[in-house]
Amino acid sequence: MSAAALFKLVVDQISLLTIPLIFLVIVGYAMLRRVKVYEAFIEGGKEGFDIFLRILPYIVAIFVAIGMFRVSGALSFACELLAPLTTRIGMPPETLPVALLKPLSGSGSLGMVAEVLKRDPDSFAARVASTMFGSTDTTFYIIAVYFGSVGIRKIRHALVAGLIADVAGLLTAVGVCHLVFR
């Protein structure tokens, strides 16, 4: 068995067990602390629904703005400019919209991932797009919300560091996908 096949086998097994183990640890810890798990779950669900209703207009606005960005041709233009570079590094060109939108909007980039998944959910591009989505963060949103909430006006090196981290996450996602899925 090759090293890549062994790595893929290990990753597959870990991914199968991770969510059930996390669930069991959380429920077990709550039961040890005598927390009424079901009642706490229901209360959390109610709060989550209320939060969803409060942020729904913002999500709709983000999707409209990103839709306008796409329809105007600006996103396609940027993707065409960068496609030769992304192809050289092994990144499928159809994943470029995810990479460009993720620092701006998690919801917008999720929409781009959904489009890649609609075309062919088992394709290499779909796997790369999904991995990219989980490998970076919404840098501009984080800077605006968190820095703004504590009154920091000079972001200094935070933006550069965040964007470097985003690029590192994207490149790592592409590399890991080539290692695991090719």
C-alpha atoms as a PDB file:
ATOM      1  CA  MET A   1       0.000   0.000   0.000  1.00  0.00           C
ATOM      2  CA  SER A   2       1.438   3.387  -0.991  1.00  0.00           C
ATOM      3  CA  ALA A   3       1.946   6.187   1.495  1.00  0.00           C
ATOM      4  CA  ALA A   4      -0.808   8.250  -0.175  1.00  0.00           C
ATOM      5  CA  ALA A   5      -3.279   5.350  -0.003  1.00  0.00           C
ATOM      6  CA  LEU A   6      -2.410   4.753   3.652  1.00  0.00           C
ATOM      7  CA  PHE A   7      -2.804   8.460   4.419  1.00  0.00           C
ATOM      8  CA  LYS A   8      -6.205   8.485   2.692  1.00  0.00           C
ATOM      9  CA  LEU A   9      -7.297   5.407   4.643  1.00  0.00           C
ATOM     10  CA  VAL A  10      -6.283   6.999   7.950  1.00  0.00           C
ATOM     11  CA  VAL A  11      -8.032  10.284   7.080  1.00  0.00           C
ATOM     12  CA  ASP A  12     -11.191   8.394   6.045  1.00  0.00           C
ATOM     13  CA  GLN A  13     -11.263   6.468   9.331  1.00  0.00           C
ATOM     14  CA  ILE A  14     -10.638   9.565  11.429  1.00  0.00           C
ATOM     15  CA  SER A  15     -13.361  11.481   9.589  1.00  0.00           C
ATOM     16  CA  LEU A  16     -15.848   8.663  10.165  1.00  0.00           C
ATOM     17  CA  LEU A  17     -15.219   8.687  13.917  1.00  0.00           C
ATOM     18  CA  THR A  18     -14.689  12.377  14.670  1.00  0.00           C
ATOM     19  CA  ILE A  19     -18.280  13.642  14.825  1.00  0.00           C
ATOM     20  CA  PRO A  20     -19.675  10.692  16.826  1.00  0.00           C
ATOM     21  CA  LEU A  21     -16.775  10.952  19.292  1.00  0.00           C
ATOM     22  CA  ILE A  22     -17.241  14.695  19.749  1.00  0.00           C
ATOM     23  CA  PHE A  23     -20.955  14.132  20.312  1.00  0.00           C
ATOM     24  CA  LEU A  24     -20.316  11.415  22.900  1.00  0.00           C
ATOM     25  CA  VAL A  25     -17.703  13.483  24.738  1.00  0.00           C
ATOM     26  CA  ILE A  26     -19.986  16.531  24.940  1.00  0.00           C
ATOM     27  CA  VAL A  27     -23.033  14.555  26.056  1.00  0.00           C
ATOM     28  CA  GLY A  28     -20.960  12.507  28.511  1.00  0.00           C
ATOM     29  CA  TYR A  29     -19.372  15.610  30.035  1.00  0.00           C
ATOM     30  CA  ALA A  30     -22.771  17.307  30.330  1.00  0.00           C
ATOM     31  CA  MET A  31     -24.241  14.242  32.034  1.00  0.00           C
ATOM     32  CA  LEU A  32     -21.330  14.156  34.488  1.00  0.00           C
ATOM     33  CA  ARG A  33     -22.072  17.771  35.380  1.00  0.00           C
ATOM     34  CA  ARG A  34     -25.755  16.860  35.754  1.00  0.00           C
ATOM     35  CA  VAL A  35     -26.874  19.135  32.933  1.00  0.00           C
ATOM     36  CA  LYS A  36     -30.268  18.350  31.455  1.00  0.00           C
ATOM     37  CA  VAL A  37     -28.901  17.685  27.983  1.00  0.00           C
ATOM     38  CA  TYR A  38     -32.151  17.537  26.041  1.00  0.00           C
ATOM     39  CA  GLU A  39     -33.571  20.707  27.614  1.00  0.00           C
ATOM     40  CA  ALA A  40     -30.300  22.570  26.990  1.00  0.00           C
ATOM     41  CA  PHE A  41     -30.335  21.378  23.382  1.00  0.00           C
ATOM     42  CA  ILE A  42     -33.903  22.640  22.866  1.00  0.00           C
ATOM     43  CA  GLU A  43     -33.060  26.041  24.403  1.00  0.00           C
ATOM     44  CA  GLY A  44     -30.020  26.317  22.149  1.00  0.00           C
ATOM     45  CA  GLY A  45     -32.160  25.455  19.143  1.00  0.00           C
ATOM     46  CA  LYS A  46     -34.628  28.228  20.036  1.00  0.00           C
ATOM     47  CA  GLU A  47     -31.795  30.753  20.398  1.00  0.00           C
ATOM     48  CA  GLY A  48     -30.255  29.586  17.129  1.00  0.00           C
ATOM     49  CA  PHE A  49     -33.538  30.074  15.300  1.00  0.00           C
ATOM     50  CA  ASP A  50     -33.921  33.594  16.725  1.00  0.00           C
ATOM     51  CA  ILE A  51     -30.367  34.445  15.625  1.00  0.00           C
ATOM     52  CA  PHE A  52     -31.087  33.079  12.160  1.00  0.00           C
ATOM     53  CA  LEU A  53     -34.131  35.306  11.822  1.00  0.00           C
ATOM     54  CA  ARG A  54     -32.076  38.355  12.888  1.00  0.00           C
ATOM     55  CA  ILE A  55     -29.268  37.733  10.393  1.00  0.00           C
ATOM     56  CA  LEU A  56     -31.425  36.575   7.471  1.00  0.00           C
ATOM     57  CA  PRO A  57     -31.674  40.065   5.904  1.00  0.00           C
ATOM     58  CA  TYR A  58     -27.857  40.366   5.962  1.00  0.00           C
ATOM     59  CA  ILE A  59     -27.444  36.980   4.324  1.00  0.00           C
ATOM     60  CA  VAL A  60     -29.908  37.942   1.604  1.00  0.00           C
ATOM     61  CA  ALA A  61     -28.053  41.241   1.081  1.00  0.00           C
ATOM     62  CA  ILE A  62     -24.713  39.428   0.786  1.00  0.00           C
ATOM     63  CA  PHE A  63     -26.096  37.010  -1.795  1.00  0.00           C
ATOM     64  CA  VAL A  64     -27.595  39.883  -3.797  1.00  0.00           C
ATOM     65  CA  ALA A  65     -24.334  41.876  -3.705  1.00  0.00           C
ATOM     66  CA  ILE A  66     -22.265  38.871  -4.730  1.00  0.00           C
ATOM     67  CA  GLY A  67     -24.798  38.038  -7.430  1.00  0.00           C
ATOM     68  CA  MET A  68     -24.392  41.556  -8.791  1.00  0.00           C
ATOM     69  CA  PHE A  69     -20.599  41.159  -8.641  1.00  0.00           C
ATOM     70  CA  ARG A  70     -20.909  37.969 -10.682  1.00  0.00           C
ATOM     71  CA  VAL A  71     -23.498  39.268 -13.155  1.00  0.00           C
ATOM     72  CA  SER A  72     -21.463  42.415 -13.825  1.00  0.00           C
ATOM     73  CA  GLY A  73     -18.640  40.205 -15.066  1.00  0.00           C
ATOM     74  CA  ALA A  74     -16.105  41.435 -12.513  1.00  0.00           C
ATOM     75  CA  LEU A  75     -15.736  38.014 -10.896  1.00  0.00           C
ATOM     76  CA  SER A  76     -15.361  36.273 -14.260  1.00  0.00           C
ATOM     77  CA  PHE A  77     -12.785  38.840 -15.336  1.00  0.00           C
ATOM     78  CA  ALA A  78     -10.727  38.280 -12.173  1.00  0.00           C
ATOM     79  CA  CYS A  79     -11.011  34.515 -12.581  1.00  0.00           C
ATOM     80  CA  GLU A  80      -9.863  34.670 -16.213  1.00  0.00           C
ATOM     81  CA  LEU A  81      -6.861  36.780 -15.233  1.00  0.00           C
ATOM     82  CA  LEU A  82      -5.821  34.383 -12.481  1.00  0.00           C
ATOM     83  CA  ALA A  83      -6.703  31.065 -14.199  1.00  0.00           C
ATOM     84  CA  PRO A  84      -3.234  30.490 -15.749  1.00  0.00           C
ATOM     85  CA  LEU A  85      -1.598  30.908 -12.336  1.00  0.00           C
ATOM     86  CA  THR A  86      -4.067  28.654 -10.534  1.00  0.00           C
ATOM     87  CA  THR A  87      -3.747  25.949 -13.178  1.00  0.00           C
ATOM     88  CA  ARG A  88       0.034  25.983 -12.728  1.00  0.00           C
ATOM     89  CA  ILE A  89      -0.281  25.272  -9.007  1.00  0.00           C
ATOM     90  CA  GLY A  90      -2.833  22.493  -9.564  1.00  0.00           C
ATOM     91  CA  MET A  91      -5.874  24.460  -8.451  1.00  0.00           C
ATOM     92  CA  PRO A  92      -8.946  23.813 -10.613  1.00  0.00           C
ATOM     93  CA  PRO A  93     -10.007  27.132 -12.202  1.00  0.00           C
ATOM     94  CA  GLU A  94     -13.645  26.620 -11.198  1.00  0.00           C
ATOM     95  CA  THR A  95     -12.589  26.889  -7.533  1.00  0.00           C
ATOM     96  CA  LEU A  96     -11.167  30.373  -7.997  1.00  0.00           C
ATOM     97  CA  PRO A  97     -14.457  32.160  -7.135  1.00  0.00           C
ATOM     98  CA  VAL A  98     -14.429  30.372  -3.765  1.00  0.00           C
ATOM     99  CA  ALA A  99     -10.868  31.538  -3.131  1.00  0.00           C
ATOM    100  CA  LEU A 100     -11.650  35.132  -4.117  1.00  0.00           C
ATOM    101  CA  LEU A 101     -14.886  35.443  -2.134  1.00  0.00           C
ATOM    102  CA  LYS A 102     -13.947  33.643   1.085  1.00  0.00           C
ATOM    103  CA  PRO A 103     -12.003  36.588   2.602  1.00  0.00           C
ATOM    104  CA  LEU A 104     -15.024  38.803   1.920  1.00  0.00           C
ATOM    105  CA  SER A 105     -18.020  36.636   2.713  1.00  0.00           C
ATOM    106  CA  GLY A 106     -18.469  33.175   4.135  1.00  0.00           C
ATOM    107  CA  SER A 107     -22.024  33.020   2.795  1.00  0.00           C
ATOM    108  CA  GLY A 108     -20.989  34.201  -0.657  1.00  0.00           C
ATOM    109  CA  SER A 109     -18.172  31.697  -0.889  1.00  0.00           C
ATOM    110  CA  LEU A 110     -20.522  28.973   0.332  1.00  0.00           C
ATOM    111  CA  GLY A 111     -22.759  29.854  -2.598  1.00  0.00           C
ATOM    112  CA  MET A 112     -19.785  29.407  -4.930  1.00  0.00           C
ATOM    113  CA  VAL A 113     -18.986  26.027  -3.340  1.00  0.00           C
ATOM    114  CA  ALA A 114     -22.619  25.026  -3.859  1.00  0.00           C
ATOM    115  CA  GLU A 115     -22.343  25.898  -7.565  1.00  0.00           C
ATOM    116  CA  VAL A 116     -19.224  23.733  -7.944  1.00  0.00           C
ATOM    117  CA  LEU A 117     -20.983  20.903  -6.100  1.00  0.00           C
ATOM    118  CA  LYS A 118     -24.059  21.189  -8.347  1.00  0.00           C
ATOM    119  CA  ARG A 119     -21.945  20.561 -11.459  1.00  0.00           C
ATOM    120  CA  ASP A 120     -20.306  17.382 -10.167  1.00  0.00           C
ATOM    121  CA  PRO A 121     -20.290  16.691  -6.413  1.00  0.00           C
ATOM    122  CA  ASP A 122     -17.692  13.907  -6.680  1.00  0.00           C
ATOM    123  CA  SER A 123     -15.225  15.827  -8.834  1.00  0.00           C
ATOM    124  CA  PHE A 124     -11.765  16.872  -7.765  1.00  0.00           C
ATOM    125  CA  ALA A 125     -12.833  20.523  -8.111  1.00  0.00           C
ATOM    126  CA  ALA A 126     -15.732  19.966  -5.688  1.00  0.00           C
ATOM    127  CA  ARG A 127     -13.396  18.429  -3.148  1.00  0.00           C
ATOM    128  CA  VAL A 128     -10.892  21.261  -3.521  1.00  0.00           C
ATOM    129  CA  ALA A 129     -13.642  23.902  -3.228  1.00  0.00           C
ATOM    130  CA  SER A 130     -15.040  22.256  -0.095  1.00  0.00           C
ATOM    131  CA  THR A 131     -11.606  21.971   1.472  1.00  0.00           C
ATOM    132  CA  MET A 132     -10.810  25.594   0.588  1.00  0.00           C
ATOM    133  CA  PHE A 133     -14.025  26.711   2.229  1.00  0.00           C
ATOM    134  CA  GLY A 134     -12.933  25.146   5.492  1.00  0.00           C
ATOM    135  CA  SER A 135      -9.294  26.206   5.209  1.00  0.00           C
ATOM    136  CA  THR A 136      -9.622  29.981   5.297  1.00  0.00           C
ATOM    137  CA  ASP A 137     -11.601  32.627   7.077  1.00  0.00           C
ATOM    138  CA  THR A 138     -13.542  35.793   6.314  1.00  0.00           C
ATOM    139  CA  THR A 139     -10.615  38.124   6.941  1.00  0.00           C
ATOM    140  CA  PHE A 140     -12.315  41.405   6.053  1.00  0.00           C
ATOM    141  CA  TYR A 141     -15.399  40.553   8.095  1.00  0.00           C
ATOM    142  CA  ILE A 142     -13.297  39.623  11.106  1.00  0.00           C
ATOM    143  CA  ILE A 143     -11.319  42.843  10.929  1.00  0.00           C
ATOM    144  CA  ALA A 144     -14.454  44.959  10.523  1.00  0.00           C
ATOM    145  CA  VAL A 145     -16.466  43.315  13.290  1.00  0.00           C
ATOM    146  CA  TYR A 146     -13.879  42.444  15.921  1.00  0.00           C
ATOM    147  CA  PHE A 147     -11.592  45.435  15.531  1.00  0.00           C
ATOM    148  CA  GLY A 148     -14.590  47.749  15.251  1.00  0.00           C
ATOM    149  CA  SER A 149     -16.269  46.289  18.326  1.00  0.00           C
ATOM    150  CA  VAL A 150     -13.301  47.226  20.531  1.00  0.00           C
ATOM    151  CA  GLY A 151     -12.621  50.547  18.820  1.00  0.00           C
ATOM    152  CA  ILE A 152      -9.399  49.711  16.987  1.00  0.00           C
ATOM    153  CA  ARG A 153      -9.069  52.000  13.972  1.00  0.00           C
ATOM    154  CA  LYS A 154      -5.528  51.175  12.829  1.00  0.00           C
ATOM    155  CA  ILE A 155      -5.437  47.586  11.694  1.00  0.00           C
ATOM    156  CA  ARG A 156      -1.665  47.735  11.153  1.00  0.00           C
ATOM    157  CA  HIS A 157      -0.429  44.362  10.021  1.00  0.00           C
ATOM    158  CA  ALA A 158      -3.579  42.380  10.796  1.00  0.00           C
ATOM    159  CA  LEU A 159      -4.959  42.624   7.257  1.00  0.00           C
ATOM    160  CA  VAL A 160      -1.680  41.550   5.653  1.00  0.00           C
ATOM    161  CA  ALA A 161      -1.270  38.689   8.141  1.00  0.00           C
ATOM    162  CA  GLY A 162      -4.881  37.597   7.597  1.00  0.00           C
ATOM    163  CA  LEU A 163      -4.540  37.595   3.815  1.00  0.00           C
ATOM    164  CA  ILE A 164      -1.233  35.710   4.013  1.00  0.00           C
ATOM    165  CA  ALA A 165      -2.972  33.146   6.228  1.00  0.00           C
ATOM    166  CA  ASP A 166      -5.804  32.909   3.676  1.00  0.00           C
ATOM    167  CA  VAL A 167      -3.343  32.265   0.835  1.00  0.00           C
ATOM    168  CA  ALA A 168      -1.518  29.681   2.965  1.00  0.00           C
ATOM    169  CA  GLY A 169      -4.839  27.975   3.732  1.00  0.00           C
ATOM    170  CA  LEU A 170      -5.829  27.915   0.066  1.00  0.00           C
ATOM    171  CA  LEU A 171      -2.483  26.514  -1.062  1.00  0.00           C
ATOM    172  CA  THR A 172      -2.538  23.920   1.706  1.00  0.00           C
ATOM    173  CA  ALA A 173      -6.080  22.902   0.725  1.00  0.00           C
ATOM    174  CA  VAL A 174      -4.977  22.358  -2.870  1.00  0.00           C
ATOM    175  CA  GLY A 175      -1.902  20.393  -1.760  1.00  0.00           C
ATOM    176  CA  VAL A 176      -3.801  18.174   0.657  1.00  0.00           C
ATOM    177  CA  CYS A 177      -6.487  17.481  -1.946  1.00  0.00           C
ATOM    178  CA  HIS A 178      -3.829  16.429  -4.438  1.00  0.00           C
ATOM    179  CA  LEU A 179      -2.318  14.162  -1.783  1.00  0.00           C
ATOM    180  CA  VAL A 180      -5.607  12.601  -0.668  1.00  0.00           C
ATOM    181  CA  PHE A 181      -7.874  12.620  -3.721  1.00  0.00           C
ATOM    182  CA  ARG A 182      -5.545  12.180  -6.701  1.00  0.00           C
END
